[in-house]
Protein backbone atom coordinates (compact mmCIF):
# COMPACT_ATOMS: atom_id res chain seq x y z
CA MET A 1 -81.74 89.05 104.83
CA SER A 2 -78.89 88.90 102.33
CA LYS A 3 -79.15 88.17 98.53
CA LEU A 4 -77.67 84.82 97.45
CA THR A 5 -75.68 85.38 94.18
CA LEU A 6 -73.84 82.91 91.90
CA GLY A 7 -70.62 83.94 93.55
CA SER A 8 -71.75 83.72 96.96
CA HIS A 9 -73.53 80.10 96.95
CA PRO A 10 -71.64 77.78 99.54
CA TYR A 11 -71.23 75.15 96.91
CA LEU A 12 -70.16 77.25 93.80
CA LEU A 13 -66.42 77.92 94.91
CA GLY A 14 -63.98 80.05 92.53
CA PHE A 15 -67.08 80.92 90.31
CA GLU A 16 -66.65 84.73 90.84
CA GLN A 17 -65.40 85.31 87.28
CA LEU A 18 -68.64 83.05 86.11
CA GLU A 19 -71.27 85.72 87.67
CA ARG A 20 -68.83 88.81 86.29
CA LEU A 21 -69.45 87.07 82.92
CA LEU A 22 -73.03 86.87 83.17
CA GLU A 23 -73.43 90.60 83.98
CA ARG A 24 -71.32 91.82 81.26
CA THR A 25 -73.25 90.30 78.73
CA ALA A 26 -76.51 91.10 80.08
CA LYS A 27 -75.52 94.63 79.36
CA SER A 28 -73.69 94.52 76.12
CA GLY A 29 -77.23 95.33 74.51
CA ASN A 30 -76.25 94.14 70.86
CA GLU A 31 -79.15 95.82 69.66
CA GLY A 32 -79.91 92.78 66.95
CA TYR A 33 -77.87 94.26 63.92
CA PRO A 34 -76.61 92.31 62.36
CA PRO A 35 -78.65 89.39 62.65
CA PHE A 36 -76.77 85.70 63.28
CA ASN A 37 -77.14 82.14 63.60
CA ILE A 38 -75.41 80.25 66.14
CA GLU A 39 -75.08 76.10 65.07
CA GLN A 40 -73.53 72.89 66.78
CA THR A 41 -71.52 71.36 63.84
CA SER A 42 -70.55 68.33 65.41
CA ARG A 43 -70.28 67.51 69.30
CA ASN A 44 -67.22 69.74 69.99
CA SER A 45 -67.55 72.56 67.18
CA TYR A 46 -69.86 75.19 66.38
CA ARG A 47 -70.44 77.96 63.73
CA ILE A 48 -71.15 81.54 64.15
CA THR A 49 -73.26 83.05 61.20
CA LEU A 50 -73.47 86.58 60.66
CA ALA A 51 -75.42 88.60 57.69
CA VAL A 52 -73.37 90.86 56.44
CA ALA A 53 -74.60 91.68 53.44
CA GLY A 54 -72.52 94.66 51.58
CA PHE A 55 -69.76 94.54 53.88
CA ALA A 56 -66.04 93.55 51.58
CA GLU A 57 -64.01 91.14 54.14
CA GLU A 58 -61.78 94.68 54.35
CA ASP A 59 -64.66 95.87 56.23
CA LEU A 60 -64.89 93.36 58.98
CA ALA A 61 -62.14 92.54 61.78
CA ILE A 62 -62.42 89.83 63.84
CA THR A 63 -60.79 89.67 67.07
CA ILE A 64 -60.20 87.82 70.58
CA GLU A 65 -60.78 90.47 73.68
CA ASP A 66 -60.64 89.26 77.42
CA LYS A 67 -62.48 85.47 76.24
CA GLN A 68 -64.84 87.37 73.72
CA LEU A 69 -64.95 86.88 69.91
CA VAL A 70 -65.35 90.48 68.69
CA ILE A 71 -66.61 91.01 65.17
CA ARG A 72 -66.95 94.51 63.94
CA GLY A 73 -68.03 96.29 60.87
CA ARG A 74 -67.17 99.34 59.58
CA GLN A 75 -67.87 100.29 55.82
CA GLY A 76 -65.73 102.98 53.80
CA GLU A 77 -67.17 106.36 53.32
CA GLU A 78 -69.76 106.83 50.74
CA SER A 79 -69.28 109.33 47.60
CA ASP A 80 -72.01 112.42 47.48
CA GLU A 81 -72.61 111.14 43.73
CA ARG A 82 -75.25 108.56 44.45
CA ILE A 83 -78.91 110.06 45.28
CA PHE A 84 -81.18 107.42 46.96
CA LEU A 85 -84.83 107.71 46.53
CA HIS A 86 -85.19 104.71 49.02
CA ARG A 87 -82.69 103.70 51.32
CA GLY A 88 -83.61 100.35 53.06
CA ILE A 89 -80.16 98.55 53.35
CA ALA A 90 -78.44 99.25 56.22
CA ALA A 91 -74.88 100.95 55.97
CA ARG A 92 -73.89 100.90 59.29
CA GLN A 93 -71.25 99.96 61.91
CA PHE A 94 -71.42 97.34 64.02
CA GLN A 95 -69.89 95.28 67.02
CA ARG A 96 -70.81 91.72 68.11
CA SER A 97 -69.72 89.82 71.21
CA PHE A 98 -69.79 86.50 72.01
CA VAL A 99 -68.31 85.36 74.84
CA LEU A 100 -66.10 82.44 74.56
CA ALA A 101 -65.89 79.69 77.22
CA ASP A 102 -62.33 78.32 78.19
CA GLY A 103 -61.16 76.09 75.60
CA VAL A 104 -62.99 77.01 72.78
CA GLU A 105 -60.65 77.91 70.09
CA VAL A 106 -61.64 80.37 66.94
CA GLY A 107 -60.59 78.63 64.07
CA GLU A 108 -61.50 79.96 60.04
CA ALA A 109 -63.69 82.53 59.32
CA LEU A 110 -65.20 82.69 55.29
CA MET A 111 -67.30 84.74 53.51
CA GLU A 112 -69.51 83.24 51.44
CA ASN A 113 -73.17 85.37 49.52
CA GLY A 114 -73.36 88.27 52.08
CA LEU A 115 -72.59 85.54 55.38
CA LEU A 116 -69.78 86.00 57.42
CA HIS A 117 -68.88 82.26 59.10
CA ILE A 118 -66.52 81.84 61.92
CA ASP A 119 -65.89 78.02 63.12
CA LEU A 120 -65.07 77.57 66.80
CA ALA A 121 -63.62 74.16 68.59
CA ARG A 122 -63.88 73.12 71.95
CA ALA A 123 -61.25 70.87 72.98
CA GLU A 124 -62.11 67.48 75.01
CA PRO A 125 -61.03 67.90 78.42
CA GLU A 126 -58.88 65.07 79.81
CA GLN A 127 -60.71 63.00 82.23
CA VAL A 128 -58.61 63.20 85.58
CA VAL A 129 -58.85 61.77 89.31
CA GLN A 130 -57.19 63.12 91.66
CA THR A 131 -56.68 61.54 94.98
CA ILE A 132 -55.65 63.99 98.13
CA LYS A 133 -53.62 62.34 100.97
CA ILE A 134 -54.67 62.75 104.39
CA LYS A 135 -52.27 63.90 106.81
CA VAL A 136 -53.21 63.24 110.60
CA ALA A 137 -52.53 66.07 112.62
CA SER A 138 -50.06 66.00 115.69
CA LYS A 139 -51.33 67.09 119.18
């Protein structure tokens, strides 16, 4: 008996890419840093908010790579002049990736009070009905 996967199901033709996407997302292991929220701001728009306290705008990079929104943070080297008695504020680099569906566009990014907001919008797809003509095979 063979294992039935999403890409091999007889009613899901052409969804092999979705199966690969799910596997890649499951393996990404984002470790939970920095924490983030995803909210739906309207029927076709979303906002991702990352808690990036301590990062300046120049420490952050936002790119789109292979249908993934990738946010990277890297703080500049600190001087050795400071002596910490306790260091509880994370000062490490990070990378967060979010898979974007077809038709989702990245809007603006805004820094506000240690939070990075990234707005996304999904275009409303046109409803298209197509009629396929049936040809009669000749004998």
